[in-house]
Amino acid sequence: MTNKFGRFLKEARLQKGINQRKLALLSGIDPGYVNKLESGKMPPPSPKVLKNIASVLGLDELQLYLRAGYITEDLTKKLSDEPEFSMMFYALKVLSKEEQKNILDFVKFTLENWKKIDKT
């Protein structure tokens, strides 16, 4: 298992000047889990845990998702090159759950109709 994420997490934690126990406490995870993450004995955590860790360490969530392998380099490039695409991800952070659901329903509807049109 690659330990790039673990090294990044440890460096970010040390830069923030906190120990593993404090990171765990503030992130709502077990201190032993932090140790296993940093040593590469465990794969990167869920996006929810990453969000908590990003908040504690003052990191951008997307950067942490990229480091954890949830976001690809291609997507990151698209986010930086196309402002409209970035706006969609920003909306996911600021819109209510109901508004997010409405957007998702619209996307699903559009994709279903696009598939129907593409087959004709």
PDB file of N, CA and C in Angstrom:
ATOM      1  N   MET A   1       0.860  -1.191   0.000  1.00  0.00           N
ATOM      2  CA  MET A   1       0.000   0.000   0.000  1.00  0.00           C
ATOM      3  C   MET A   1       0.899   1.245   0.000  1.00  0.00           C
ATOM      4  N   THR A   2       0.582   2.166  -0.867  1.00  0.00           N
ATOM      5  CA  THR A   2       1.376   3.386  -0.943  1.00  0.00           C
ATOM      6  C   THR A   2       1.142   4.251   0.290  1.00  0.00           C
ATOM      7  N   ASN A   3       2.163   4.988   0.669  1.00  0.00           N
ATOM      8  CA  ASN A   3       2.042   5.794   1.872  1.00  0.00           C
ATOM      9  C   ASN A   3       2.117   7.289   1.570  1.00  0.00           C
ATOM     10  N   LYS A   4       1.824   7.667   0.338  1.00  0.00           N
ATOM     11  CA  LYS A   4       1.858   9.091  -0.010  1.00  0.00           C
ATOM     12  C   LYS A   4       0.867   9.883   0.834  1.00  0.00           C
ATOM     13  N   PHE A   5      -0.337   9.345   0.996  1.00  0.00           N
ATOM     14  CA  PHE A   5      -1.336  10.042   1.801  1.00  0.00           C
ATOM     15  C   PHE A   5      -0.860  10.172   3.245  1.00  0.00           C
ATOM     16  N   GLY A   6      -0.325   9.092   3.799  1.00  0.00           N
ATOM     17  CA  GLY A   6       0.150   9.106   5.182  1.00  0.00           C
ATOM     18  C   GLY A   6       1.251  10.137   5.414  1.00  0.00           C
ATOM     19  N   ARG A   7       2.186  10.205   4.477  1.00  0.00           N
ATOM     20  CA  ARG A   7       3.265  11.201   4.599  1.00  0.00           C
ATOM     21  C   ARG A   7       2.708  12.613   4.522  1.00  0.00           C
ATOM     22  N   PHE A   8       1.776  12.830   3.597  1.00  0.00           N
ATOM     23  CA  PHE A   8       1.161  14.150   3.463  1.00  0.00           C
ATOM     24  C   PHE A   8       0.427  14.528   4.742  1.00  0.00           C
ATOM     25  N   LEU A   9      -0.341  13.595   5.290  1.00  0.00           N
ATOM     26  CA  LEU A   9      -1.098  13.846   6.514  1.00  0.00           C
ATOM     27  C   LEU A   9      -0.156  14.192   7.672  1.00  0.00           C
ATOM     28  N   LYS A  10       0.907  13.436   7.810  1.00  0.00           N
ATOM     29  CA  LYS A  10       1.858  13.688   8.898  1.00  0.00           C
ATOM     30  C   LYS A  10       2.513  15.061   8.748  1.00  0.00           C
ATOM     31  N   GLU A  11       2.931  15.390   7.531  1.00  0.00           N
ATOM     32  CA  GLU A  11       3.554  16.701   7.301  1.00  0.00           C
ATOM     33  C   GLU A  11       2.587  17.834   7.623  1.00  0.00           C
ATOM     34  N   ALA A  12       1.341  17.681   7.194  1.00  0.00           N
ATOM     35  CA  ALA A  12       0.336  18.721   7.451  1.00  0.00           C
ATOM     36  C   ALA A  12       0.073  18.847   8.951  1.00  0.00           C
ATOM     37  N   ARG A  13       0.022  17.727   9.634  1.00  0.00           N
ATOM     38  CA  ARG A  13      -0.205  17.737  11.086  1.00  0.00           C
ATOM     39  C   ARG A  13       0.958  18.405  11.813  1.00  0.00           C
ATOM     40  N   LEU A  14       2.170  18.059  11.419  1.00  0.00           N
ATOM     41  CA  LEU A  14       3.351  18.654  12.060  1.00  0.00           C
ATOM     42  C   LEU A  14       3.434  20.147  11.773  1.00  0.00           C
ATOM     43  N   GLN A  15       3.090  20.537  10.555  1.00  0.00           N
ATOM     44  CA  GLN A  15       3.073  21.972  10.220  1.00  0.00           C
ATOM     45  C   GLN A  15       2.092  22.731  11.094  1.00  0.00           C
ATOM     46  N   LYS A  16       0.990  22.097  11.413  1.00  0.00           N
ATOM     47  CA  LYS A  16      -0.023  22.707  12.267  1.00  0.00           C
ATOM     48  C   LYS A  16       0.430  22.706  13.734  1.00  0.00           C
ATOM     49  N   GLY A  17       1.444  21.897  14.039  1.00  0.00           N
ATOM     50  CA  GLY A  17       1.996  21.854  15.396  1.00  0.00           C
ATOM     51  C   GLY A  17       1.155  21.074  16.392  1.00  0.00           C
ATOM     52  N   ILE A  18       0.459  20.052  15.912  1.00  0.00           N
ATOM     53  CA  ILE A  18      -0.323  19.236  16.839  1.00  0.00           C
ATOM     54  C   ILE A  18       0.103  17.776  16.766  1.00  0.00           C
ATOM     55  N   ASN A  19      -0.126  17.054  17.845  1.00  0.00           N
ATOM     56  CA  ASN A  19       0.242  15.643  17.854  1.00  0.00           C
ATOM     57  C   ASN A  19      -0.921  14.789  17.335  1.00  0.00           C
ATOM     58  N   GLN A  20      -0.650  13.501  17.173  1.00  0.00           N
ATOM     59  CA  GLN A  20      -1.654  12.591  16.635  1.00  0.00           C
ATOM     60  C   GLN A  20      -2.903  12.539  17.521  1.00  0.00           C
ATOM     61  N   ARG A  21      -2.699  12.549  18.819  1.00  0.00           N
ATOM     62  CA  ARG A  21      -3.821  12.461  19.753  1.00  0.00           C
ATOM     63  C   ARG A  21      -4.766  13.663  19.596  1.00  0.00           C
ATOM     64  N   LYS A  22      -4.184  14.849  19.472  1.00  0.00           N
ATOM     65  CA  LYS A  22      -5.014  16.045  19.333  1.00  0.00           C
ATOM     66  C   LYS A  22      -5.748  16.046  17.994  1.00  0.00           C
ATOM     67  N   LEU A  23      -5.049  15.644  16.918  1.00  0.00           N
ATOM     68  CA  LEU A  23      -5.702  15.556  15.618  1.00  0.00           C
ATOM     69  C   LEU A  23      -6.879  14.591  15.697  1.00  0.00           C
ATOM     70  N   ALA A  24      -6.657  13.450  16.323  1.00  0.00           N
ATOM     71  CA  ALA A  24      -7.718  12.454  16.457  1.00  0.00           C
ATOM     72  C   ALA A  24      -8.896  13.016  17.247  1.00  0.00           C
ATOM     73  N   LEU A  25      -8.604  13.625  18.372  1.00  0.00           N
ATOM     74  CA  LEU A  25      -9.653  14.174  19.232  1.00  0.00           C
ATOM     75  C   LEU A  25     -10.490  15.213  18.481  1.00  0.00           C
ATOM     76  N   LEU A  26      -9.816  16.136  17.813  1.00  0.00           N
ATOM     77  CA  LEU A  26     -10.514  17.206  17.105  1.00  0.00           C
ATOM     78  C   LEU A  26     -11.236  16.717  15.840  1.00  0.00           C
ATOM     79  N   SER A  27     -10.762  15.598  15.281  1.00  0.00           N
ATOM     80  CA  SER A  27     -11.368  15.048  14.059  1.00  0.00           C
ATOM     81  C   SER A  27     -12.439  14.003  14.360  1.00  0.00           C
ATOM     82  N   GLY A  28     -12.529  13.592  15.616  1.00  0.00           N
ATOM     83  CA  GLY A  28     -13.521  12.584  15.986  1.00  0.00           C
ATOM     84  C   GLY A  28     -13.147  11.168  15.606  1.00  0.00           C
ATOM     85  N   ILE A  29     -11.833  10.899  15.597  1.00  0.00           N
ATOM     86  CA  ILE A  29     -11.370   9.544  15.268  1.00  0.00           C
ATOM     87  C   ILE A  29     -10.427   9.043  16.357  1.00  0.00           C
ATOM     88  N   ASP A  30     -10.101   7.783  16.301  1.00  0.00           N
ATOM     89  CA  ASP A  30      -9.231   7.152  17.281  1.00  0.00           C
ATOM     90  C   ASP A  30      -7.765   7.529  17.030  1.00  0.00           C
ATOM     91  N   PRO A  31      -7.009   7.832  18.090  1.00  0.00           N
ATOM     92  CA  PRO A  31      -5.587   8.171  17.905  1.00  0.00           C
ATOM     93  C   PRO A  31      -4.791   7.070  17.206  1.00  0.00           C
ATOM     94  N   GLY A  32      -5.121   5.821  17.492  1.00  0.00           N
ATOM     95  CA  GLY A  32      -4.435   4.712  16.821  1.00  0.00           C
ATOM     96  C   GLY A  32      -4.687   4.708  15.326  1.00  0.00           C
ATOM     97  N   TYR A  33      -5.865   5.178  14.944  1.00  0.00           N
ATOM     98  CA  TYR A  33      -6.213   5.254  13.525  1.00  0.00           C
ATOM     99  C   TYR A  33      -5.342   6.285  12.818  1.00  0.00           C
ATOM    100  N   VAL A  34      -5.104   7.401  13.467  1.00  0.00           N
ATOM    101  CA  VAL A  34      -4.231   8.435  12.884  1.00  0.00           C
ATOM    102  C   VAL A  34      -2.843   7.846  12.653  1.00  0.00           C
ATOM    103  N   ASN A  35      -2.349   7.114  13.639  1.00  0.00           N
ATOM    104  CA  ASN A  35      -1.030   6.493  13.516  1.00  0.00           C
ATOM    105  C   ASN A  35      -1.004   5.523  12.337  1.00  0.00           C
ATOM    106  N   LYS A  36      -2.040   4.727  12.198  1.00  0.00           N
ATOM    107  CA  LYS A  36      -2.101   3.757  11.100  1.00  0.00           C
ATOM    108  C   LYS A  36      -2.205   4.458   9.744  1.00  0.00           C
ATOM    109  N   LEU A  37      -2.922   5.580   9.700  1.00  0.00           N
ATOM    110  CA  LEU A  37      -3.008   6.346   8.454  1.00  0.00           C
ATOM    111  C   LEU A  37      -1.648   6.887   8.060  1.00  0.00           C
ATOM    112  N   GLU A  38      -0.974   7.490   9.027  1.00  0.00           N
ATOM    113  CA  GLU A  38       0.325   8.109   8.738  1.00  0.00           C
ATOM    114  C   GLU A  38       1.395   7.085   8.383  1.00  0.00           C
ATOM    115  N   SER A  39       1.286   5.893   8.933  1.00  0.00           N
ATOM    116  CA  SER A  39       2.290   4.864   8.648  1.00  0.00           C
ATOM    117  C   SER A  39       1.951   4.046   7.407  1.00  0.00           C
ATOM    118  N   GLY A  40       0.781   4.291   6.817  1.00  0.00           N
ATOM    119  CA  GLY A  40       0.388   3.577   5.618  1.00  0.00           C
ATOM    120  C   GLY A  40      -0.206   2.207   5.885  1.00  0.00           C
ATOM    121  N   LYS A  41      -0.518   1.921   7.140  1.00  0.00           N
ATOM    122  CA  LYS A  41      -1.107   0.623   7.484  1.00  0.00           C
ATOM    123  C   LYS A  41      -2.607   0.583   7.197  1.00  0.00           C
ATOM    124  N   MET A  42      -3.192   1.740   6.972  1.00  0.00           N
ATOM    125  CA  MET A  42      -4.611   1.843   6.639  1.00  0.00           C
ATOM    126  C   MET A  42      -4.755   2.723   5.396  1.00  0.00           C
ATOM    127  N   PRO A  43      -5.733   2.407   4.557  1.00  0.00           N
ATOM    128  CA  PRO A  43      -5.981   3.278   3.395  1.00  0.00           C
ATOM    129  C   PRO A  43      -6.583   4.601   3.869  1.00  0.00           C
ATOM    130  N   PRO A  44      -6.593   5.603   3.015  1.00  0.00           N
ATOM    131  CA  PRO A  44      -7.187   6.889   3.398  1.00  0.00           C
ATOM    132  C   PRO A  44      -8.627   6.712   3.879  1.00  0.00           C
ATOM    133  N   PRO A  45      -9.035   7.551   4.811  1.00  0.00           N
ATOM    134  CA  PRO A  45     -10.376   7.424   5.380  1.00  0.00           C
ATOM    135  C   PRO A  45     -11.477   7.904   4.435  1.00  0.00           C
ATOM    136  N   SER A  46     -12.693   7.790   4.906  1.00  0.00           N
ATOM    137  CA  SER A  46     -13.864   8.208   4.130  1.00  0.00           C
ATOM    138  C   SER A  46     -13.841   9.718   3.902  1.00  0.00           C
ATOM    139  N   PRO A  47     -14.564  10.190   2.894  1.00  0.00           N
ATOM    140  CA  PRO A  47     -14.643  11.637   2.668  1.00  0.00           C
ATOM    141  C   PRO A  47     -15.132  12.413   3.897  1.00  0.00           C
ATOM    142  N   LYS A  48     -16.042  11.836   4.661  1.00  0.00           N
ATOM    143  CA  LYS A  48     -16.545  12.515   5.864  1.00  0.00           C
ATOM    144  C   LYS A  48     -15.421  12.749   6.867  1.00  0.00           C
ATOM    145  N   VAL A  49     -14.598  11.727   7.092  1.00  0.00           N
ATOM    146  CA  VAL A  49     -13.463  11.860   8.014  1.00  0.00           C
ATOM    147  C   VAL A  49     -12.444  12.827   7.437  1.00  0.00           C
ATOM    148  N   LEU A  50     -12.212  12.744   6.129  1.00  0.00           N
ATOM    149  CA  LEU A  50     -11.269  13.671   5.491  1.00  0.00           C
ATOM    150  C   LEU A  50     -11.714  15.113   5.669  1.00  0.00           C
ATOM    151  N   LYS A  51     -13.015  15.346   5.580  1.00  0.00           N
ATOM    152  CA  LYS A  51     -13.542  16.700   5.762  1.00  0.00           C
ATOM    153  C   LYS A  51     -13.218  17.199   7.165  1.00  0.00           C
ATOM    154  N   ASN A  52     -13.384  16.342   8.159  1.00  0.00           N
ATOM    155  CA  ASN A  52     -13.059  16.720   9.539  1.00  0.00           C
ATOM    156  C   ASN A  52     -11.567  17.005   9.698  1.00  0.00           C
ATOM    157  N   ILE A  53     -10.753  16.147   9.126  1.00  0.00           N
ATOM    158  CA  ILE A  53      -9.296  16.328   9.217  1.00  0.00           C
ATOM    159  C   ILE A  53      -8.892  17.631   8.521  1.00  0.00           C
ATOM    160  N   ALA A  54      -9.457  17.881   7.346  1.00  0.00           N
ATOM    161  CA  ALA A  54      -9.142  19.114   6.611  1.00  0.00           C
ATOM    162  C   ALA A  54      -9.480  20.332   7.450  1.00  0.00           C
ATOM    163  N   SER A  55     -10.604  20.283   8.111  1.00  0.00           N
ATOM    164  CA  SER A  55     -11.022  21.402   8.957  1.00  0.00           C
ATOM    165  C   SER A  55     -10.040  21.632  10.100  1.00  0.00           C
ATOM    166  N   VAL A  56      -9.638  20.566  10.750  1.00  0.00           N
ATOM    167  CA  VAL A  56      -8.707  20.670  11.881  1.00  0.00           C
ATOM    168  C   VAL A  56      -7.347  21.194  11.429  1.00  0.00           C
ATOM    169  N   LEU A  57      -6.875  20.712  10.282  1.00  0.00           N
ATOM    170  CA  LEU A  57      -5.541  21.090   9.810  1.00  0.00           C
ATOM    171  C   LEU A  57      -5.537  22.356   8.955  1.00  0.00           C
ATOM    172  N   GLY A  58      -6.711  22.905   8.697  1.00  0.00           N
ATOM    173  CA  GLY A  58      -6.787  24.113   7.879  1.00  0.00           C
ATOM    174  C   GLY A  58      -6.429  23.863   6.428  1.00  0.00           C
ATOM    175  N   LEU A  59      -6.783  22.682   5.936  1.00  0.00           N
ATOM    176  CA  LEU A  59      -6.489  22.314   4.556  1.00  0.00           C
ATOM    177  C   LEU A  59      -7.734  22.437   3.700  1.00  0.00           C
ATOM    178  N   ASP A  60      -7.522  22.606   2.409  1.00  0.00           N
ATOM    179  CA  ASP A  60      -8.616  22.599   1.457  1.00  0.00           C
ATOM    180  C   ASP A  60      -9.108  21.156   1.319  1.00  0.00           C
ATOM    181  N   GLU A  61     -10.409  20.954   1.444  1.00  0.00           N
ATOM    182  CA  GLU A  61     -10.974  19.602   1.353  1.00  0.00           C
ATOM    183  C   GLU A  61     -10.621  18.922   0.040  1.00  0.00           C
ATOM    184  N   LEU A  62     -10.745  19.661  -1.055  1.00  0.00           N
ATOM    185  CA  LEU A  62     -10.471  19.059  -2.363  1.00  0.00           C
ATOM    186  C   LEU A  62      -9.032  18.567  -2.464  1.00  0.00           C
ATOM    187  N   GLN A  63      -8.116  19.327  -1.870  1.00  0.00           N
ATOM    188  CA  GLN A  63      -6.714  18.908  -1.895  1.00  0.00           C
ATOM    189  C   GLN A  63      -6.548  17.586  -1.140  1.00  0.00           C
ATOM    190  N   LEU A  64      -7.233  17.464  -0.008  1.00  0.00           N
ATOM    191  CA  LEU A  64      -7.137  16.239   0.777  1.00  0.00           C
ATOM    192  C   LEU A  64      -7.799  15.073   0.045  1.00  0.00           C
ATOM    193  N   TYR A  65      -8.927  15.328  -0.634  1.00  0.00           N
ATOM    194  CA  TYR A  65      -9.579  14.280  -1.416  1.00  0.00           C
ATOM    195  C   TYR A  65      -8.670  13.818  -2.561  1.00  0.00           C
ATOM    196  N   LEU A  66      -7.955  14.756  -3.157  1.00  0.00           N
ATOM    197  CA  LEU A  66      -7.008  14.417  -4.215  1.00  0.00           C
ATOM    198  C   LEU A  66      -5.899  13.526  -3.663  1.00  0.00           C
ATOM    199  N   ARG A  67      -5.329  13.926  -2.541  1.00  0.00           N
ATOM    200  CA  ARG A  67      -4.247  13.150  -1.926  1.00  0.00           C
ATOM    201  C   ARG A  67      -4.709  11.752  -1.521  1.00  0.00           C
ATOM    202  N   ALA A  68      -5.996  11.645  -1.150  1.00  0.00           N
ATOM    203  CA  ALA A  68      -6.541  10.358  -0.720  1.00  0.00           C
ATOM    204  C   ALA A  68      -6.969   9.482  -1.897  1.00  0.00           C
ATOM    205  N   GLY A  69      -6.964  10.048  -3.104  1.00  0.00           N
ATOM    206  CA  GLY A  69      -7.327   9.278  -4.282  1.00  0.00           C
ATOM    207  C   GLY A  69      -8.801   9.327  -4.633  1.00  0.00           C
ATOM    208  N   TYR A  70      -9.574  10.162  -3.958  1.00  0.00           N
ATOM    209  CA  TYR A  70     -10.991  10.292  -4.282  1.00  0.00           C
ATOM    210  C   TYR A  70     -11.218  11.186  -5.497  1.00  0.00           C
ATOM    211  N   ILE A  71     -10.247  12.032  -5.797  1.00  0.00           N
ATOM    212  CA  ILE A  71     -10.328  12.927  -6.949  1.00  0.00           C
ATOM    213  C   ILE A  71      -9.075  12.693  -7.786  1.00  0.00           C
ATOM    214  N   THR A  72      -9.246  12.627  -9.093  1.00  0.00           N
ATOM    215  CA  THR A  72      -8.118  12.376  -9.986  1.00  0.00           C
ATOM    216  C   THR A  72      -7.436  13.681 -10.380  1.00  0.00           C
ATOM    217  N   GLU A  73      -6.253  13.560 -10.902  1.00  0.00           N
ATOM    218  CA  GLU A  73      -5.512  14.718 -11.416  1.00  0.00           C
ATOM    219  C   GLU A  73      -6.297  15.386 -12.550  1.00  0.00           C
ATOM    220  N   ASP A  74      -6.946  14.561 -13.390  1.00  0.00           N
ATOM    221  CA  ASP A  74      -7.732  15.106 -14.505  1.00  0.00           C
ATOM    222  C   ASP A  74      -8.857  15.996 -14.001  1.00  0.00           C
ATOM    223  N   LEU A  75      -9.540  15.541 -12.959  1.00  0.00           N
ATOM    224  CA  LEU A  75     -10.628  16.333 -12.396  1.00  0.00           C
ATOM    225  C   LEU A  75     -10.093  17.620 -11.789  1.00  0.00           C
ATOM    226  N   THR A  76      -8.971  17.537 -11.120  1.00  0.00           N
ATOM    227  CA  THR A  76      -8.361  18.727 -10.528  1.00  0.00           C
ATOM    228  C   THR A  76      -8.017  19.743 -11.606  1.00  0.00           C
ATOM    229  N   LYS A  77      -7.468  19.268 -12.730  1.00  0.00           N
ATOM    230  CA  LYS A  77      -7.137  20.163 -13.833  1.00  0.00           C
ATOM    231  C   LYS A  77      -8.406  20.808 -14.384  1.00  0.00           C
ATOM    232  N   LYS A  78      -9.449  20.021 -14.535  1.00  0.00           N
ATOM    233  CA  LYS A  78     -10.718  20.543 -15.047  1.00  0.00           C
ATOM    234  C   LYS A  78     -11.270  21.599 -14.094  1.00  0.00           C
ATOM    235  N   LEU A  79     -11.157  21.352 -12.801  1.00  0.00           N
ATOM    236  CA  LEU A  79     -11.643  22.316 -11.807  1.00  0.00           C
ATOM    237  C   LEU A  79     -10.901  23.644 -11.912  1.00  0.00           C
ATOM    238  N   SER A  80      -9.600  23.580 -12.177  1.00  0.00           N
ATOM    239  CA  SER A  80      -8.825  24.820 -12.247  1.00  0.00           C
ATOM    240  C   SER A  80      -8.950  25.510 -13.607  1.00  0.00           C
ATOM    241  N   ASP A  81      -9.187  24.724 -14.662  1.00  0.00           N
ATOM    242  CA  ASP A  81      -9.252  25.292 -16.007  1.00  0.00           C
ATOM    243  C   ASP A  81     -10.639  25.805 -16.395  1.00  0.00           C
ATOM    244  N   GLU A  82     -11.672  25.264 -15.774  1.00  0.00           N
ATOM    245  CA  GLU A  82     -13.038  25.624 -16.174  1.00  0.00           C
ATOM    246  C   GLU A  82     -13.824  26.119 -14.963  1.00  0.00           C
ATOM    247  N   PRO A  83     -13.944  27.427 -14.809  1.00  0.00           N
ATOM    248  CA  PRO A  83     -14.617  28.006 -13.639  1.00  0.00           C
ATOM    249  C   PRO A  83     -16.046  27.505 -13.442  1.00  0.00           C
ATOM    250  N   GLU A  84     -16.760  27.248 -14.533  1.00  0.00           N
ATOM    251  CA  GLU A  84     -18.135  26.778 -14.407  1.00  0.00           C
ATOM    252  C   GLU A  84     -18.174  25.402 -13.741  1.00  0.00           C
ATOM    253  N   PHE A  85     -17.203  24.574 -14.064  1.00  0.00           N
ATOM    254  CA  PHE A  85     -17.124  23.241 -13.476  1.00  0.00           C
ATOM    255  C   PHE A  85     -16.837  23.356 -11.981  1.00  0.00           C
ATOM    256  N   SER A  86     -15.951  24.247 -11.618  1.00  0.00           N
ATOM    257  CA  SER A  86     -15.627  24.476 -10.207  1.00  0.00           C
ATOM    258  C   SER A  86     -16.848  24.957  -9.443  1.00  0.00           C
ATOM    259  N   MET A  87     -17.651  25.772 -10.101  1.00  0.00           N
ATOM    260  CA  MET A  87     -18.849  26.317  -9.465  1.00  0.00           C
ATOM    261  C   MET A  87     -19.793  25.196  -9.024  1.00  0.00           C
ATOM    262  N   MET A  88     -19.864  24.125  -9.823  1.00  0.00           N
ATOM    263  CA  MET A  88     -20.735  23.013  -9.465  1.00  0.00           C
ATOM    264  C   MET A  88     -20.286  22.382  -8.148  1.00  0.00           C
ATOM    265  N   PHE A  89     -18.991  22.233  -7.966  1.00  0.00           N
ATOM    266  CA  PHE A  89     -18.487  21.648  -6.728  1.00  0.00           C
ATOM    267  C   PHE A  89     -18.669  22.602  -5.552  1.00  0.00           C
ATOM    268  N   TYR A  90     -18.488  23.870  -5.806  1.00  0.00           N
ATOM    269  CA  TYR A  90     -18.707  24.868  -4.752  1.00  0.00           C
ATOM    270  C   TYR A  90     -20.165  24.825  -4.292  1.00  0.00           C
ATOM    271  N   ALA A  91     -21.069  24.677  -5.244  1.00  0.00           N
ATOM    272  CA  ALA A  91     -22.497  24.630  -4.917  1.00  0.00           C
ATOM    273  C   ALA A  91     -22.803  23.481  -3.970  1.00  0.00           C
ATOM    274  N   LEU A  92     -22.100  22.384  -4.109  1.00  0.00           N
ATOM    275  CA  LEU A  92     -22.338  21.243  -3.230  1.00  0.00           C
ATOM    276  C   LEU A  92     -22.003  21.566  -1.774  1.00  0.00           C
ATOM    277  N   LYS A  93     -21.127  22.525  -1.578  1.00  0.00           N
ATOM    278  CA  LYS A  93     -20.746  22.905  -0.216  1.00  0.00           C
ATOM    279  C   LYS A  93     -21.727  23.894   0.401  1.00  0.00           C
ATOM    280  N   VAL A  94     -22.347  24.733  -0.406  1.00  0.00           N
ATOM    281  CA  VAL A  94     -23.133  25.839   0.148  1.00  0.00           C
ATOM    282  C   VAL A  94     -24.650  25.661   0.030  1.00  0.00           C
ATOM    283  N   LEU A  95     -25.090  24.776  -0.839  1.00  0.00           N
ATOM    284  CA  LEU A  95     -26.530  24.584  -1.013  1.00  0.00           C
ATOM    285  C   LEU A  95     -27.091  23.630   0.040  1.00  0.00           C
ATOM    286  N   SER A  96     -28.369  23.772   0.312  1.00  0.00           N
ATOM    287  CA  SER A  96     -29.030  22.874   1.259  1.00  0.00           C
ATOM    288  C   SER A  96     -29.130  21.479   0.649  1.00  0.00           C
ATOM    289  N   LYS A  97     -29.421  20.502   1.481  1.00  0.00           N
ATOM    290  CA  LYS A  97     -29.578  19.122   0.997  1.00  0.00           C
ATOM    291  C   LYS A  97     -30.697  19.039  -0.040  1.00  0.00           C
ATOM    292  N   GLU A  98     -31.770  19.769   0.185  1.00  0.00           N
ATOM    293  CA  GLU A  98     -32.887  19.759  -0.759  1.00  0.00           C
ATOM    294  C   GLU A  98     -32.473  20.362  -2.104  1.00  0.00           C
ATOM    295  N   GLU A  99     -31.733  21.463  -2.068  1.00  0.00           N
ATOM    296  CA  GLU A  99     -31.264  22.084  -3.309  1.00  0.00           C
ATOM    297  C   GLU A  99     -30.290  21.152  -4.041  1.00  0.00           C
ATOM    298  N   GLN A 100     -29.420  20.489  -3.290  1.00  0.00           N
ATOM    299  CA  GLN A 100     -28.492  19.535  -3.885  1.00  0.00           C
ATOM    300  C   GLN A 100     -29.253  18.388  -4.548  1.00  0.00           C
ATOM    301  N   LYS A 101     -30.303  17.901  -3.869  1.00  0.00           N
ATOM    302  CA  LYS A 101     -31.115  16.816  -4.418  1.00  0.00           C
ATOM    303  C   LYS A 101     -31.790  17.261  -5.714  1.00  0.00           C
ATOM    304  N   ASN A 102     -32.288  18.488  -5.739  1.00  0.00           N
ATOM    305  CA  ASN A 102     -32.931  19.005  -6.960  1.00  0.00           C
ATOM    306  C   ASN A 102     -31.953  19.039  -8.126  1.00  0.00           C
ATOM    307  N   ILE A 103     -30.743  19.458  -7.854  1.00  0.00           N
ATOM    308  CA  ILE A 103     -29.723  19.503  -8.906  1.00  0.00           C
ATOM    309  C   ILE A 103     -29.385  18.093  -9.370  1.00  0.00           C
ATOM    310  N   LEU A 104     -29.212  17.190  -8.424  1.00  0.00           N
ATOM    311  CA  LEU A 104     -28.905  15.804  -8.771  1.00  0.00           C
ATOM    312  C   LEU A 104     -30.031  15.183  -9.596  1.00  0.00           C
ATOM    313  N   ASP A 105     -31.279  15.449  -9.206  1.00  0.00           N
ATOM    314  CA  ASP A 105     -32.422  14.953  -9.981  1.00  0.00           C
ATOM    315  C   ASP A 105     -32.395  15.492 -11.413  1.00  0.00           C
ATOM    316  N   PHE A 106     -32.048  16.765 -11.547  1.00  0.00           N
ATOM    317  CA  PHE A 106     -31.966  17.372 -12.879  1.00  0.00           C
ATOM    318  C   PHE A 106     -30.860  16.706 -13.703  1.00  0.00           C
ATOM    319  N   VAL A 107     -29.719  16.463 -13.084  1.00  0.00           N
ATOM    320  CA  VAL A 107     -28.600  15.824 -13.794  1.00  0.00           C
ATOM    321  C   VAL A 107     -29.002  14.414 -14.227  1.00  0.00           C
ATOM    322  N   LYS A 108     -29.617  13.669 -13.324  1.00  0.00           N
ATOM    323  CA  LYS A 108     -30.062  12.312 -13.676  1.00  0.00           C
ATOM    324  C   LYS A 108     -31.052  12.345 -14.833  1.00  0.00           C
ATOM    325  N   PHE A 109     -32.020  13.247 -14.763  1.00  0.00           N
ATOM    326  CA  PHE A 109     -33.017  13.396 -15.823  1.00  0.00           C
ATOM    327  C   PHE A 109     -32.331  13.720 -17.153  1.00  0.00           C
ATOM    328  N   THR A 110     -31.399  14.643 -17.120  1.00  0.00           N
ATOM    329  CA  THR A 110     -30.687  15.056 -18.330  1.00  0.00           C
ATOM    330  C   THR A 110     -29.896  13.890 -18.916  1.00  0.00           C
ATOM    331  N   LEU A 111     -29.204  13.141 -18.057  1.00  0.00           N
ATOM    332  CA  LEU A 111     -28.411  12.011 -18.544  1.00  0.00           C
ATOM    333  C   LEU A 111     -29.298  10.915 -19.134  1.00  0.00           C
ATOM    334  N   GLU A 112     -30.417  10.647 -18.477  1.00  0.00           N
ATOM    335  CA  GLU A 112     -31.339   9.628 -18.999  1.00  0.00           C
ATOM    336  C   GLU A 112     -31.860  10.029 -20.369  1.00  0.00           C
ATOM    337  N   ASN A 113     -32.220  11.285 -20.541  1.00  0.00           N
ATOM    338  CA  ASN A 113     -32.723  11.764 -21.830  1.00  0.00           C
ATOM    339  C   ASN A 113     -31.622  11.820 -22.863  1.00  0.00           C
ATOM    340  N   TRP A 114     -30.418  12.138 -22.460  1.00  0.00           N
ATOM    341  CA  TRP A 114     -29.291  12.167 -23.384  1.00  0.00           C
ATOM    342  C   TRP A 114     -29.027  10.765 -23.920  1.00  0.00           C
ATOM    343  N   LYS A 115     -29.126   9.769 -23.046  1.00  0.00           N
ATOM    344  CA  LYS A 115     -28.921   8.383 -23.488  1.00  0.00           C
ATOM    345  C   LYS A 115     -29.984   7.974 -24.502  1.00  0.00           C
ATOM    346  N   LYS A 116     -31.220   8.404 -24.267  1.00  0.00           N
ATOM    347  CA  LYS A 116     -32.314   8.078 -25.187  1.00  0.00           C
ATOM    348  C   LYS A 116     -32.072   8.744 -26.545  1.00  0.00           C
ATOM    349  N   ILE A 117     -31.648   9.989 -26.530  1.00  0.00           N
ATOM    350  CA  ILE A 117     -31.389  10.734 -27.771  1.00  0.00           C
ATOM    351  C   ILE A 117     -30.215  10.120 -28.510  1.00  0.00           C
ATOM    352  N   ASP A 118     -29.189   9.719 -27.738  1.00  0.00           N
ATOM    353  CA  ASP A 118     -27.970   9.145 -28.332  1.00  0.00           C
ATOM    354  C   ASP A 118     -28.261   7.829 -29.044  1.00  0.00           C
ATOM    355  N   LYS A 119     -29.272   7.079 -28.586  1.00  0.00           N
ATOM    356  CA  LYS A 119     -29.588   5.784 -29.179  1.00  0.00           C
ATOM    357  C   LYS A 119     -30.417   5.902 -30.454  1.00  0.00           C
ATOM    358  N   THR A 120     -31.007   7.046 -30.675  1.00  0.00           N
ATOM    359  CA  THR A 120     -31.864   7.186 -31.862  1.00  0.00           C
ATOM    360  C   THR A 120     -31.094   7.577 -33.088  1.00  0.00           C
TER     361      THR A 120
END
